[in-house]
Structure formats: structure tokens, C-alpha cells
PDB file of N, CA and C in Angstrom:
ATOM      1  N   UNK A   1      26.011  21.873   9.785  1.00  0.00           N
ATOM      2  CA  UNK A   1      25.459  22.890   8.827  1.00  0.00           C
ATOM      3  C   UNK A   1      25.485  24.058  10.212  1.00  0.00           C
ATOM      4  N   UNK A   2      25.487  25.756   8.853  1.00  0.00           N
ATOM      5  CA  UNK A   2      25.934  26.605   9.108  1.00  0.00           C
ATOM      6  C   UNK A   2      24.806  27.578   9.503  1.00  0.00           C
ATOM      7  N   UNK A   3      24.683  28.104   9.734  1.00  0.00           N
ATOM      8  CA  UNK A   3      23.162  29.365   9.410  1.00  0.00           C
ATOM      9  C   UNK A   3      24.053  30.932   9.781  1.00  0.00           C
ATOM     10  N   UNK A   4      24.367  31.879   9.185  1.00  0.00           N
ATOM     11  CA  UNK A   4      24.833  32.827   8.966  1.00  0.00           C
ATOM     12  C   UNK A   4      23.891  33.611   8.846  1.00  0.00           C
ATOM     13  N   UNK A   5      23.293  34.909  10.029  1.00  0.00           N
ATOM     14  CA  UNK A   5      22.608  35.881   9.871  1.00  0.00           C
ATOM     15  C   UNK A   5      23.732  37.239   8.894  1.00  0.00           C
ATOM     16  N   UNK A   6      23.477  37.819   8.197  1.00  0.00           N
ATOM     17  CA  UNK A   6      24.629  38.803   7.357  1.00  0.00           C
ATOM     18  C   UNK A   6      24.758  40.014   8.158  1.00  0.00           C
ATOM     19  N   UNK A   7      23.413  40.127   8.878  1.00  0.00           N
ATOM     20  CA  UNK A   7      23.698  41.767   9.587  1.00  0.00           C
ATOM     21  C   UNK A   7      24.038  41.700  10.931  1.00  0.00           C
ATOM     22  N   UNK A   8      23.791  40.759  11.377  1.00  0.00           N
ATOM     23  CA  UNK A   8      24.941  40.343  12.415  1.00  0.00           C
ATOM     24  C   UNK A   8      26.066  39.728  12.410  1.00  0.00           C
ATOM     25  N   UNK A   9      26.273  38.750  11.652  1.00  0.00           N
ATOM     26  CA  UNK A   9      27.656  38.109  11.399  1.00  0.00           C
ATOM     27  C   UNK A   9      27.706  36.671  12.015  1.00  0.00           C
ATOM     28  N   UNK A  10      26.329  36.616  13.378  1.00  0.00           N
ATOM     29  CA  UNK A  10      26.327  35.456  13.912  1.00  0.00           C
ATOM     30  C   UNK A  10      26.432  34.223  12.814  1.00  0.00           C
ATOM     31  N   UNK A  11      26.903  33.070  14.019  1.00  0.00           N
ATOM     32  CA  UNK A  11      26.835  32.067  12.937  1.00  0.00           C
ATOM     33  C   UNK A  11      25.917  30.636  14.283  1.00  0.00           C
ATOM     34  N   UNK A  12      25.219  29.594  13.760  1.00  0.00           N
ATOM     35  CA  UNK A  12      24.427  28.743  14.502  1.00  0.00           C
ATOM     36  C   UNK A  12      25.018  27.899  13.776  1.00  0.00           C
ATOM     37  N   UNK A  13      25.644  27.241  14.811  1.00  0.00           N
ATOM     38  CA  UNK A  13      26.449  25.352  13.892  1.00  0.00           C
ATOM     39  C   UNK A  13      25.817  24.680  15.247  1.00  0.00           C
ATOM     40  N   UNK A  14      25.458  22.892  14.462  1.00  0.00           N
ATOM     41  CA  UNK A  14      24.518  22.230  15.352  1.00  0.00           C
ATOM     42  C   UNK A  14      25.298  21.221  14.619  1.00  0.00           C
ATOM     43  N   UNK A  15      25.410  19.892  15.073  1.00  0.00           N
ATOM     44  CA  UNK A  15      25.774  18.981  14.299  1.00  0.00           C
ATOM     45  C   UNK A  15      24.879  17.513  15.030  1.00  0.00           C
ATOM     46  N   UNK A  16      24.928  16.636  14.035  1.00  0.00           N
ATOM     47  CA  UNK A  16      24.115  16.069  14.490  1.00  0.00           C
ATOM     48  C   UNK A  16      24.691  14.257  15.252  1.00  0.00           C
ATOM     49  N   UNK A  17      24.424  13.794  15.808  1.00  0.00           N
ATOM     50  CA  UNK A  17      25.596  12.317  16.071  1.00  0.00           C
ATOM     51  C   UNK A  17      24.513  11.470  16.781  1.00  0.00           C
ATOM     52  N   UNK A  18      24.569  10.153  16.478  1.00  0.00           N
ATOM     53  CA  UNK A  18      23.579   8.724  16.638  1.00  0.00           C
ATOM     54  C   UNK A  18      24.333   8.039  17.586  1.00  0.00           C
ATOM     55  N   UNK A  19      23.983   7.969  18.516  1.00  0.00           N
ATOM     56  CA  UNK A  19      24.451   6.762  18.949  1.00  0.00           C
ATOM     57  C   UNK A  19      23.714   5.639  19.473  1.00  0.00           C
ATOM     58  N   UNK A  20      24.745   4.384  19.566  1.00  0.00           N
ATOM     59  CA  UNK A  20      23.799   3.180  19.579  1.00  0.00           C
ATOM     60  C   UNK A  20      24.407   2.115  20.765  1.00  0.00           C
ATOM     61  N   UNK A  21      23.984   1.717  21.988  1.00  0.00           N
ATOM     62  CA  UNK A  21      24.635   1.528  22.843  1.00  0.00           C
ATOM     63  C   UNK A  21      25.234   2.118  23.521  1.00  0.00           C
ATOM     64  N   UNK A  22      25.301   3.657  23.900  1.00  0.00           N
ATOM     65  CA  UNK A  22      25.936   4.214  24.014  1.00  0.00           C
ATOM     66  C   UNK A  22      27.216   4.698  23.594  1.00  0.00           C
ATOM     67  N   UNK A  23      27.358   4.248  22.491  1.00  0.00           N
ATOM     68  CA  UNK A  23      28.584   3.974  21.502  1.00  0.00           C
ATOM     69  C   UNK A  23      28.294   5.568  20.491  1.00  0.00           C
ATOM     70  N   UNK A  24      29.262   5.592  19.973  1.00  0.00           N
ATOM     71  CA  UNK A  24      28.825   6.426  18.771  1.00  0.00           C
ATOM     72  C   UNK A  24      29.404   5.687  17.902  1.00  0.00           C
ATOM     73  N   UNK A  25      27.386   5.849  16.972  1.00  0.00           N
ATOM     74  CA  UNK A  25      27.495   5.596  15.905  1.00  0.00           C
ATOM     75  C   UNK A  25      27.617   6.336  14.458  1.00  0.00           C
ATOM     76  N   UNK A  26      26.855   6.994  14.445  1.00  0.00           N
ATOM     77  CA  UNK A  26      27.447   8.040  13.021  1.00  0.00           C
ATOM     78  C   UNK A  26      27.019   9.654  13.520  1.00  0.00           C
ATOM     79  N   UNK A  27      28.233  10.496  12.660  1.00  0.00           N
ATOM     80  CA  UNK A  27      28.298  11.276  12.952  1.00  0.00           C
ATOM     81  C   UNK A  27      28.478  11.920  11.300  1.00  0.00           C
ATOM     82  N   UNK A  28      28.653  13.271  11.041  1.00  0.00           N
ATOM     83  CA  UNK A  28      28.686  14.097  10.398  1.00  0.00           C
ATOM     84  C   UNK A  28      30.512  13.832   9.766  1.00  0.00           C
ATOM     85  N   UNK A  29      31.534  13.253  10.023  1.00  0.00           N
ATOM     86  CA  UNK A  29      32.658  12.768   9.872  1.00  0.00           C
ATOM     87  C   UNK A  29      32.527  11.296   9.146  1.00  0.00           C
ATOM     88  N   UNK A  30      32.058  10.354  10.284  1.00  0.00           N
ATOM     89  CA  UNK A  30      31.263   8.903   9.297  1.00  0.00           C
ATOM     90  C   UNK A  30      30.459   9.176   8.061  1.00  0.00           C
ATOM     91  N   UNK A  31      29.489   9.611   8.254  1.00  0.00           N
ATOM     92  CA  UNK A  31      29.141   9.640   7.072  1.00  0.00           C
ATOM     93  C   UNK A  31      29.810  10.577   5.992  1.00  0.00           C
ATOM     94  N   UNK A  32      30.360  11.203   6.048  1.00  0.00           N
ATOM     95  CA  UNK A  32      31.393  11.436   4.915  1.00  0.00           C
ATOM     96  C   UNK A  32      32.020  10.407   4.448  1.00  0.00           C
ATOM     97  N   UNK A  33      32.675   9.845   5.568  1.00  0.00           N
ATOM     98  CA  UNK A  33      33.486   8.949   4.983  1.00  0.00           C
ATOM     99  C   UNK A  33      32.811   7.314   3.935  1.00  0.00           C
ATOM    100  N   UNK A  34      31.610   7.558   4.480  1.00  0.00           N
ATOM    101  CA  UNK A  34      30.858   6.298   3.633  1.00  0.00           C
ATOM    102  C   UNK A  34      30.238   7.177   2.829  1.00  0.00           C
ATOM    103  N   UNK A  35      30.005   8.218   2.778  1.00  0.00           N
ATOM    104  CA  UNK A  35      30.268   8.901   1.368  1.00  0.00           C
ATOM    105  C   UNK A  35      30.825   9.127  -0.092  1.00  0.00           C
ATOM    106  N   UNK A  36      32.363   9.322   0.974  1.00  0.00           N
ATOM    107  CA  UNK A  36      33.616   8.503  -0.010  1.00  0.00           C
ATOM    108  C   UNK A  36      33.844   7.543  -0.990  1.00  0.00           C
ATOM    109  N   UNK A  37      33.489   6.111   0.312  1.00  0.00           N
ATOM    110  CA  UNK A  37      33.388   4.852  -0.621  1.00  0.00           C
ATOM    111  C   UNK A  37      32.949   4.846  -1.529  1.00  0.00           C
ATOM    112  N   UNK A  38      31.573   5.512  -1.236  1.00  0.00           N
ATOM    113  CA  UNK A  38      30.731   5.464  -2.196  1.00  0.00           C
ATOM    114  C   UNK A  38      31.152   6.105  -3.295  1.00  0.00           C
ATOM    115  N   UNK A  39      31.401   6.840  -3.502  1.00  0.00           N
ATOM    116  CA  UNK A  39      31.951   7.853  -4.343  1.00  0.00           C
ATOM    117  C   UNK A  39      33.199   6.604  -5.010  1.00  0.00           C
ATOM    118  N   UNK A  40      34.204   6.722  -4.416  1.00  0.00           N
ATOM    119  CA  UNK A  40      35.036   6.199  -4.956  1.00  0.00           C
ATOM    120  C   UNK A  40      35.866   4.721  -4.971  1.00  0.00           C
ATOM    121  N   UNK A  41      34.537   4.149  -4.231  1.00  0.00           N
ATOM    122  CA  UNK A  41      34.979   2.377  -4.054  1.00  0.00           C
ATOM    123  C   UNK A  41      36.126   1.763  -3.300  1.00  0.00           C
ATOM    124  N   UNK A  42      36.939   2.484  -2.709  1.00  0.00           N
ATOM    125  CA  UNK A  42      37.832   2.559  -1.719  1.00  0.00           C
ATOM    126  C   UNK A  42      38.057   3.163  -0.622  1.00  0.00           C
ATOM    127  N   UNK A  43      38.607   2.507   0.418  1.00  0.00           N
ATOM    128  CA  UNK A  43      38.444   2.924   1.831  1.00  0.00           C
ATOM    129  C   UNK A  43      40.090   4.374   1.823  1.00  0.00           C
ATOM    130  N   UNK A  44      41.369   3.884   1.167  1.00  0.00           N
ATOM    131  CA  UNK A  44      42.004   4.294   1.021  1.00  0.00           C
ATOM    132  C   UNK A  44      41.878   5.867   0.740  1.00  0.00           C
ATOM    133  N   UNK A  45      41.312   5.568  -0.913  1.00  0.00           N
ATOM    134  CA  UNK A  45      40.955   6.868  -1.565  1.00  0.00           C
ATOM    135  C   UNK A  45      40.308   7.755  -0.365  1.00  0.00           C
ATOM    136  N   UNK A  46      38.703   7.057  -0.138  1.00  0.00           N
ATOM    137  CA  UNK A  46      38.277   8.209   1.163  1.00  0.00           C
ATOM    138  C   UNK A  46      39.037   8.363   2.456  1.00  0.00           C
ATOM    139  N   UNK A  47      39.945   7.623   2.721  1.00  0.00           N
ATOM    140  CA  UNK A  47      41.137   8.248   4.043  1.00  0.00           C
ATOM    141  C   UNK A  47      41.633   9.135   3.582  1.00  0.00           C
ATOM    142  N   UNK A  48      42.066   9.005   2.506  1.00  0.00           N
ATOM    143  CA  UNK A  48      43.428  10.344   1.771  1.00  0.00           C
ATOM    144  C   UNK A  48      42.226  11.859   1.370  1.00  0.00           C
ATOM    145  N   UNK A  49      41.320  11.254   1.133  1.00  0.00           N
ATOM    146  CA  UNK A  49      40.474  12.508   0.879  1.00  0.00           C
ATOM    147  C   UNK A  49      39.869  13.013   2.273  1.00  0.00           C
ATOM    148  N   UNK A  50      39.599  12.214   3.592  1.00  0.00           N
ATOM    149  CA  UNK A  50      39.037  13.234   5.056  1.00  0.00           C
ATOM    150  C   UNK A  50      41.094  13.249   5.309  1.00  0.00           C
ATOM    151  N   UNK A  51      41.748  13.273   4.900  1.00  0.00           N
ATOM    152  CA  UNK A  51      43.216  13.611   5.574  1.00  0.00           C
ATOM    153  C   UNK A  51      43.178  12.844   6.693  1.00  0.00           C
ATOM    154  N   UNK A  52      43.004  11.403   6.524  1.00  0.00           N
ATOM    155  CA  UNK A  52      42.897  10.799   7.532  1.00  0.00           C
ATOM    156  C   UNK A  52      43.769   9.086   7.715  1.00  0.00           C
ATOM    157  N   UNK A  53      44.676   8.180   8.541  1.00  0.00           N
ATOM    158  CA  UNK A  53      45.034   7.312   8.039  1.00  0.00           C
ATOM    159  C   UNK A  53      44.193   6.049   7.951  1.00  0.00           C
ATOM    160  N   UNK A  54      44.491   5.053   6.716  1.00  0.00           N
ATOM    161  CA  UNK A  54      43.398   4.160   6.300  1.00  0.00           C
ATOM    162  C   UNK A  54      43.541   3.024   7.900  1.00  0.00           C
ATOM    163  N   UNK A  55      44.551   3.042   8.773  1.00  0.00           N
ATOM    164  CA  UNK A  55      43.791   2.961   9.512  1.00  0.00           C
ATOM    165  C   UNK A  55      42.442   2.934  10.649  1.00  0.00           C
ATOM    166  N   UNK A  56      42.745   4.479  10.632  1.00  0.00           N
ATOM    167  CA  UNK A  56      41.761   5.176  11.376  1.00  0.00           C
ATOM    168  C   UNK A  56      40.279   5.429  10.296  1.00  0.00           C
ATOM    169  N   UNK A  57      40.103   5.163   9.072  1.00  0.00           N
ATOM    170  CA  UNK A  57      39.092   4.596   9.025  1.00  0.00           C
ATOM    171  C   UNK A  57      38.557   3.292   8.589  1.00  0.00           C
ATOM    172  N   UNK A  58      39.699   2.481   8.758  1.00  0.00           N
ATOM    173  CA  UNK A  58      38.838   1.167   9.144  1.00  0.00           C
ATOM    174  C   UNK A  58      38.794   1.271  10.223  1.00  0.00           C
ATOM    175  N   UNK A  59      38.906   1.766  11.174  1.00  0.00           N
ATOM    176  CA  UNK A  59      38.905   1.419  12.455  1.00  0.00           C
ATOM    177  C   UNK A  59      37.393   1.694  12.613  1.00  0.00           C
ATOM    178  N   UNK A  60      37.001   3.043  11.924  1.00  0.00           N
ATOM    179  CA  UNK A  60      35.821   4.094  11.931  1.00  0.00           C
ATOM    180  C   UNK A  60      34.782   2.880  11.219  1.00  0.00           C
ATOM    181  N   UNK A  61      34.976   2.414  10.379  1.00  0.00           N
ATOM    182  CA  UNK A  61      34.355   1.908   9.674  1.00  0.00           C
ATOM    183  C   UNK A  61      33.580  -0.169  10.628  1.00  0.00           C
ATOM    184  N   UNK A  62      34.689  -0.270  11.049  1.00  0.00           N
ATOM    185  CA  UNK A  62      34.697  -1.475  12.065  1.00  0.00           C
ATOM    186  C   UNK A  62      34.244  -1.421  13.150  1.00  0.00           C
ATOM    187  N   UNK A  63      33.878  -0.147  13.360  1.00  0.00           N
ATOM    188  CA  UNK A  63      33.235   0.061  14.812  1.00  0.00           C
ATOM    189  C   UNK A  63      31.211   0.386  14.285  1.00  0.00           C
ATOM    190  N   UNK A  64      31.660   1.195  13.265  1.00  0.00           N
ATOM    191  CA  UNK A  64      29.905   1.456  12.620  1.00  0.00           C
ATOM    192  C   UNK A  64      29.381   0.152  11.915  1.00  0.00           C
ATOM    193  N   UNK A  65      29.843  -0.592  11.483  1.00  0.00           N
ATOM    194  CA  UNK A  65      29.181  -2.138  11.291  1.00  0.00           C
ATOM    195  C   UNK A  65      29.667  -2.931  12.311  1.00  0.00           C
ATOM    196  N   UNK A  66      29.628  -3.139  13.458  1.00  0.00           N
ATOM    197  CA  UNK A  66      29.647  -3.860  14.859  1.00  0.00           C
ATOM    198  C   UNK A  66      28.658  -3.521  15.177  1.00  0.00           C
ATOM    199  N   UNK A  67      28.167  -2.017  15.518  1.00  0.00           N
ATOM    200  CA  UNK A  67      26.977  -1.144  15.792  1.00  0.00           C
ATOM    201  C   UNK A  67      25.995  -1.360  14.977  1.00  0.00           C
ATOM    202  N   UNK A  68      25.624  -1.507  14.177  1.00  0.00           N
ATOM    203  CA  UNK A  68      24.795  -1.451  12.915  1.00  0.00           C
ATOM    204  C   UNK A  68      23.816  -3.382  12.961  1.00  0.00           C
ATOM    205  N   UNK A  69      23.156  -3.423  12.485  1.00  0.00           N
ATOM    206  CA  UNK A  69      21.910  -4.592  12.525  1.00  0.00           C
ATOM    207  C   UNK A  69      23.014  -5.347  11.575  1.00  0.00           C
ATOM    208  N   UNK A  70      23.423  -4.725  10.140  1.00  0.00           N
ATOM    209  CA  UNK A  70      24.219  -5.518   9.243  1.00  0.00           C
ATOM    210  C   UNK A  70      25.337  -4.868   8.318  1.00  0.00           C
ATOM    211  N   UNK A  71      26.297  -5.355   8.100  1.00  0.00           N
ATOM    212  CA  UNK A  71      27.539  -4.640   7.967  1.00  0.00           C
ATOM    213  C   UNK A  71      27.013  -2.797   7.067  1.00  0.00           C
ATOM    214  N   UNK A  72      27.787  -1.777   6.757  1.00  0.00           N
ATOM    215  CA  UNK A  72      26.996  -1.136   6.272  1.00  0.00           C
ATOM    216  C   UNK A  72      28.208  -0.777   5.161  1.00  0.00           C
ATOM    217  N   UNK A  73      29.442  -1.376   5.310  1.00  0.00           N
ATOM    218  CA  UNK A  73      31.061  -1.368   3.936  1.00  0.00           C
ATOM    219  C   UNK A  73      31.374  -2.903   3.777  1.00  0.00           C
ATOM    220  N   UNK A  74      31.160  -3.117   3.005  1.00  0.00           N
ATOM    221  CA  UNK A  74      32.383  -4.174   2.852  1.00  0.00           C
ATOM    222  C   UNK A  74      33.121  -4.472   1.415  1.00  0.00           C
ATOM    223  N   UNK A  75      34.261  -5.200   2.136  1.00  0.00           N
ATOM    224  CA  UNK A  75      35.605  -5.200   1.168  1.00  0.00           C
ATOM    225  C   UNK A  75      35.146  -5.942  -0.016  1.00  0.00           C
ATOM    226  N   UNK A  76      35.571  -5.755  -1.169  1.00  0.00           N
ATOM    227  CA  UNK A  76      35.550  -6.441  -1.784  1.00  0.00           C
ATOM    228  C   UNK A  76      36.760  -6.662  -2.495  1.00  0.00           C
ATOM    229  N   UNK A  77      36.984  -8.422  -3.136  1.00  0.00           N
ATOM    230  CA  UNK A  77      38.326  -9.054  -3.567  1.00  0.00           C
ATOM    231  C   UNK A  77      38.805  -8.927  -4.830  1.00  0.00           C
ATOM    232  N   UNK A  78      40.211  -8.261  -4.137  1.00  0.00           N
ATOM    233  CA  UNK A  78      41.134  -8.271  -4.964  1.00  0.00           C
ATOM    234  C   UNK A  78      41.293  -8.714  -6.397  1.00  0.00           C
ATOM    235  N   UNK A  79      41.936  -8.368  -7.684  1.00  0.00           N
ATOM    236  CA  UNK A  79      42.048  -9.358  -8.850  1.00  0.00           C
ATOM    237  C   UNK A  79      42.513  -8.352  -9.706  1.00  0.00           C
ATOM    238  N   UNK A  80      42.516  -8.173 -11.098  1.00  0.00           N
ATOM    239  CA  UNK A  80      43.087  -7.589 -11.966  1.00  0.00           C
ATOM    240  C   UNK A  80      43.333  -5.623 -11.761  1.00  0.00           C
ATOM    241  N   UNK A  81      41.918  -5.535 -11.255  1.00  0.00           N
ATOM    242  CA  UNK A  81      42.057  -4.227 -10.721  1.00  0.00           C
ATOM    243  C   UNK A  81      42.391  -3.468  -9.222  1.00  0.00           C
ATOM    244  N   UNK A  82      42.594  -4.898  -8.248  1.00  0.00           N
ATOM    245  CA  UNK A  82      42.463  -4.290  -7.058  1.00  0.00           C
ATOM    246  C   UNK A  82      41.644  -5.025  -6.504  1.00  0.00           C
ATOM    247  N   UNK A  83      41.259  -4.654  -5.184  1.00  0.00           N
ATOM    248  CA  UNK A  83      40.268  -4.849  -4.002  1.00  0.00           C
ATOM    249  C   UNK A  83      40.220  -3.605  -3.945  1.00  0.00           C
ATOM    250  N   UNK A  84      38.136  -3.356  -3.546  1.00  0.00           N
ATOM    251  CA  UNK A  84      38.108  -1.981  -3.313  1.00  0.00           C
ATOM    252  C   UNK A  84      36.928  -2.016  -1.745  1.00  0.00           C
ATOM    253  N   UNK A  85      35.767  -1.192  -1.790  1.00  0.00           N
ATOM    254  CA  UNK A  85      34.844  -1.489  -1.035  1.00  0.00           C
ATOM    255  C   UNK A  85      33.851  -0.860  -1.768  1.00  0.00           C
ATOM    256  N   UNK A  86      32.581  -1.367  -0.932  1.00  0.00           N
ATOM    257  CA  UNK A  86      31.434  -0.972  -1.631  1.00  0.00           C
ATOM    258  C   UNK A  86      30.396  -0.464  -0.222  1.00  0.00           C
ATOM    259  N   UNK A  87      29.125   0.014  -0.049  1.00  0.00           N
ATOM    260  CA  UNK A  87      28.512   0.451   0.509  1.00  0.00           C
ATOM    261  C   UNK A  87      27.446  -0.647   0.628  1.00  0.00           C
ATOM    262  N   UNK A  88      26.612  -1.282   1.521  1.00  0.00           N
ATOM    263  CA  UNK A  88      25.498  -2.420   1.575  1.00  0.00           C
ATOM    264  C   UNK A  88      24.226  -1.362   1.637  1.00  0.00           C
ATOM    265  N   UNK A  89      23.045  -1.883   1.193  1.00  0.00           N
ATOM    266  CA  UNK A  89      22.130  -1.693   1.416  1.00  0.00           C
ATOM    267  C   UNK A  89      21.496  -0.723   2.487  1.00  0.00           C
ATOM    268  N   UNK A  90      21.886  -1.531   3.471  1.00  0.00           N
ATOM    269  CA  UNK A  90      21.880  -0.899   4.582  1.00  0.00           C
ATOM    270  C   UNK A  90      23.177   0.319   5.246  1.00  0.00           C
ATOM    271  N   UNK A  91      24.028   0.415   4.092  1.00  0.00           N
ATOM    272  CA  UNK A  91      25.480   1.669   4.635  1.00  0.00           C
ATOM    273  C   UNK A  91      24.526   2.860   3.766  1.00  0.00           C
ATOM    274  N   UNK A  92      23.498   2.225   2.414  1.00  0.00           N
ATOM    275  CA  UNK A  92      22.594   3.108   1.656  1.00  0.00           C
ATOM    276  C   UNK A  92      21.945   3.863   3.044  1.00  0.00           C
ATOM    277  N   UNK A  93      21.285   2.856   3.337  1.00  0.00           N
ATOM    278  CA  UNK A  93      19.986   3.236   4.284  1.00  0.00           C
ATOM    279  C   UNK A  93      20.882   4.316   5.288  1.00  0.00           C
ATOM    280  N   UNK A  94      21.552   3.918   6.374  1.00  0.00           N
ATOM    281  CA  UNK A  94      22.291   4.922   7.232  1.00  0.00           C
ATOM    282  C   UNK A  94      22.557   6.322   6.819  1.00  0.00           C
ATOM    283  N   UNK A  95      23.366   6.305   5.522  1.00  0.00           N
ATOM    284  CA  UNK A  95      23.381   7.784   4.577  1.00  0.00           C
ATOM    285  C   UNK A  95      22.064   8.827   4.697  1.00  0.00           C
ATOM    286  N   UNK A  96      21.016   8.281   3.948  1.00  0.00           N
ATOM    287  CA  UNK A  96      19.628   8.598   3.510  1.00  0.00           C
ATOM    288  C   UNK A  96      19.066   8.925   4.643  1.00  0.00           C
ATOM    289  N   UNK A  97      19.120   8.191   5.765  1.00  0.00           N
ATOM    290  CA  UNK A  97      18.355   8.353   6.922  1.00  0.00           C
ATOM    291  C   UNK A  97      19.355   9.740   7.957  1.00  0.00           C
ATOM    292  N   UNK A  98      20.449   9.382   7.876  1.00  0.00           N
ATOM    293  CA  UNK A  98      20.925  10.479   8.668  1.00  0.00           C
ATOM    294  C   UNK A  98      20.804  12.148   7.879  1.00  0.00           C
ATOM    295  N   UNK A  99      21.597  12.226   6.349  1.00  0.00           N
ATOM    296  CA  UNK A  99      20.675  13.203   6.036  1.00  0.00           C
ATOM    297  C   UNK A  99      19.104  13.727   6.100  1.00  0.00           C
ATOM    298  N   UNK A 100      18.169  12.846   6.067  1.00  0.00           N
ATOM    299  CA  UNK A 100      16.810  13.305   6.605  1.00  0.00           C
ATOM    300  C   UNK A 100      17.137  13.912   8.121  1.00  0.00           C
ATOM    301  N   UNK A 101      17.797  13.601   8.998  1.00  0.00           N
ATOM    302  CA  UNK A 101      17.001  14.241  10.141  1.00  0.00           C
ATOM    303  C   UNK A 101      17.953  15.233  10.145  1.00  0.00           C
ATOM    304  N   UNK A 102      19.533  15.216   9.831  1.00  0.00           N
ATOM    305  CA  UNK A 102      20.125  16.638   9.971  1.00  0.00           C
ATOM    306  C   UNK A 102      19.539  17.810   8.768  1.00  0.00           C
ATOM    307  N   UNK A 103      18.383  17.188   7.803  1.00  0.00           N
ATOM    308  CA  UNK A 103      17.638  18.356   7.252  1.00  0.00           C
ATOM    309  C   UNK A 103      16.758  18.785   7.518  1.00  0.00           C
ATOM    310  N   UNK A 104      16.243  18.057   9.066  1.00  0.00           N
ATOM    311  CA  UNK A 104      14.925  18.502   9.681  1.00  0.00           C
ATOM    312  C   UNK A 104      15.554  19.488  10.599  1.00  0.00           C
ATOM    313  N   UNK A 105      16.674  18.713  11.054  1.00  0.00           N
ATOM    314  CA  UNK A 105      17.452  20.148  12.304  1.00  0.00           C
ATOM    315  C   UNK A 105      17.456  21.767  11.473  1.00  0.00           C
ATOM    316  N   UNK A 106      18.424  21.153  10.411  1.00  0.00           N
ATOM    317  CA  UNK A 106      19.196  22.829   9.259  1.00  0.00           C
ATOM    318  C   UNK A 106      17.556  23.531   9.218  1.00  0.00           C
ATOM    319  N   UNK A 107      16.497  23.097   9.059  1.00  0.00           N
ATOM    320  CA  UNK A 107      14.497  23.513   8.730  1.00  0.00           C
ATOM    321  C   UNK A 107      14.838  24.192   9.832  1.00  0.00           C
ATOM    322  N   UNK A 108      14.680  23.569  11.723  1.00  0.00           N
ATOM    323  CA  UNK A 108      14.539  24.241  12.794  1.00  0.00           C
ATOM    324  C   UNK A 108      16.052  25.464  12.930  1.00  0.00           C
ATOM    325  N   UNK A 109      16.672  25.264  12.693  1.00  0.00           N
ATOM    326  CA  UNK A 109      18.077  26.614  12.854  1.00  0.00           C
ATOM    327  C   UNK A 109      17.180  27.340  12.288  1.00  0.00           C
ATOM    328  N   UNK A 110      17.360  27.336  10.736  1.00  0.00           N
ATOM    329  CA  UNK A 110      17.160  28.444   9.867  1.00  0.00           C
ATOM    330  C   UNK A 110      16.019  28.982  10.230  1.00  0.00           C
ATOM    331  N   UNK A 111      14.536  28.582  10.455  1.00  0.00           N
ATOM    332  CA  UNK A 111      12.996  29.310  10.819  1.00  0.00           C
ATOM    333  C   UNK A 111      13.768  29.854  12.154  1.00  0.00           C
ATOM    334  N   UNK A 112      14.488  29.446  12.878  1.00  0.00           N
ATOM    335  CA  UNK A 112      14.712  30.323  14.523  1.00  0.00           C
ATOM    336  C   UNK A 112      15.795  31.355  13.797  1.00  0.00           C
ATOM    337  N   UNK A 113      17.057  31.585  13.138  1.00  0.00           N
ATOM    338  CA  UNK A 113      18.278  31.815  13.370  1.00  0.00           C
ATOM    339  C   UNK A 113      17.742  33.574  12.902  1.00  0.00           C
ATOM    340  N   UNK A 114      16.763  33.942  12.599  1.00  0.00           N
ATOM    341  CA  UNK A 114      16.339  34.786  12.402  1.00  0.00           C
ATOM    342  C   UNK A 114      16.068  35.935  14.113  1.00  0.00           C
ATOM    343  N   UNK A 115      15.667  35.157  14.770  1.00  0.00           N
ATOM    344  CA  UNK A 115      15.181  35.591  16.159  1.00  0.00           C
ATOM    345  C   UNK A 115      16.186  35.287  17.087  1.00  0.00           C
ATOM    346  N   UNK A 116      17.815  34.582  16.578  1.00  0.00           N
ATOM    347  CA  UNK A 116      18.458  34.982  17.994  1.00  0.00           C
ATOM    348  C   UNK A 116      19.292  36.102  17.321  1.00  0.00           C
ATOM    349  N   UNK A 117      19.466  37.056  18.361  1.00  0.00           N
ATOM    350  CA  UNK A 117      20.408  38.427  18.510  1.00  0.00           C
ATOM    351  C   UNK A 117      21.495  38.210  19.147  1.00  0.00           C
ATOM    352  N   UNK A 118      22.418  38.392  19.355  1.00  0.00           N
ATOM    353  CA  UNK A 118      23.729  37.862  19.597  1.00  0.00           C
ATOM    354  C   UNK A 118      24.919  39.248  19.326  1.00  0.00           C
TER     355      UNK A 118
END
């Protein structure tokens, strides 16, 4: 989130990261990856959209799946239309909960942004 005070051209930025067992679990980039998988039904398409390799995207998913109480993303078996990936209910819930936290942080930033003069 970015808050801009147009009078002073100051910017306040804050990114929310959630760690689990002292390891990075969820942050803005990983949430975008999950959202693109939801949109495109494909890890490779999500990776292209984020300008990252498939291998990097799969590693991030693997890391998140390992830290989560249940898988966030599962691959689907190929067929006539090929394989893909889908978010589980847990994956959808992680996005939802992250967005709630980020929105609350944004509210606090917006509330205090006008009080800061740099």
C-alpha cells in the first residue's frame, strides 16, 4: 500500500509479511501469485504474468504448501486441455485473511499519513 500526500509529495509504504515457524509464509508477491493462479488456472501463466520462472513460482507454492496446515495450491492432471492448478479452500482463505490484514494496515496508514510532515 502506498499513501501519497500530494501537498508534500511524501510517500508512506508498508508491506505486510506473515511468517510461520520463522520462515516467510505469505507476502504481497506470494499473494499475487495465488491470485493469478486463481485467475488463470495455471502456475506457468501466473509465473509469466509476474515475470518469474515456472521453477521459482513452483518453489514458492511448495514452500507455502509445506508451511500451511493444508495445501493452498494443487496441480490438476492433464488431459485434452492440459493440466493446470487450482486453489484449495485453504488457499482462498489465505488470500482473504491476508487482504483483511492489509486493509486494516492501510486504514491506519491513511489515518496517520496527513499528520506526517517530512
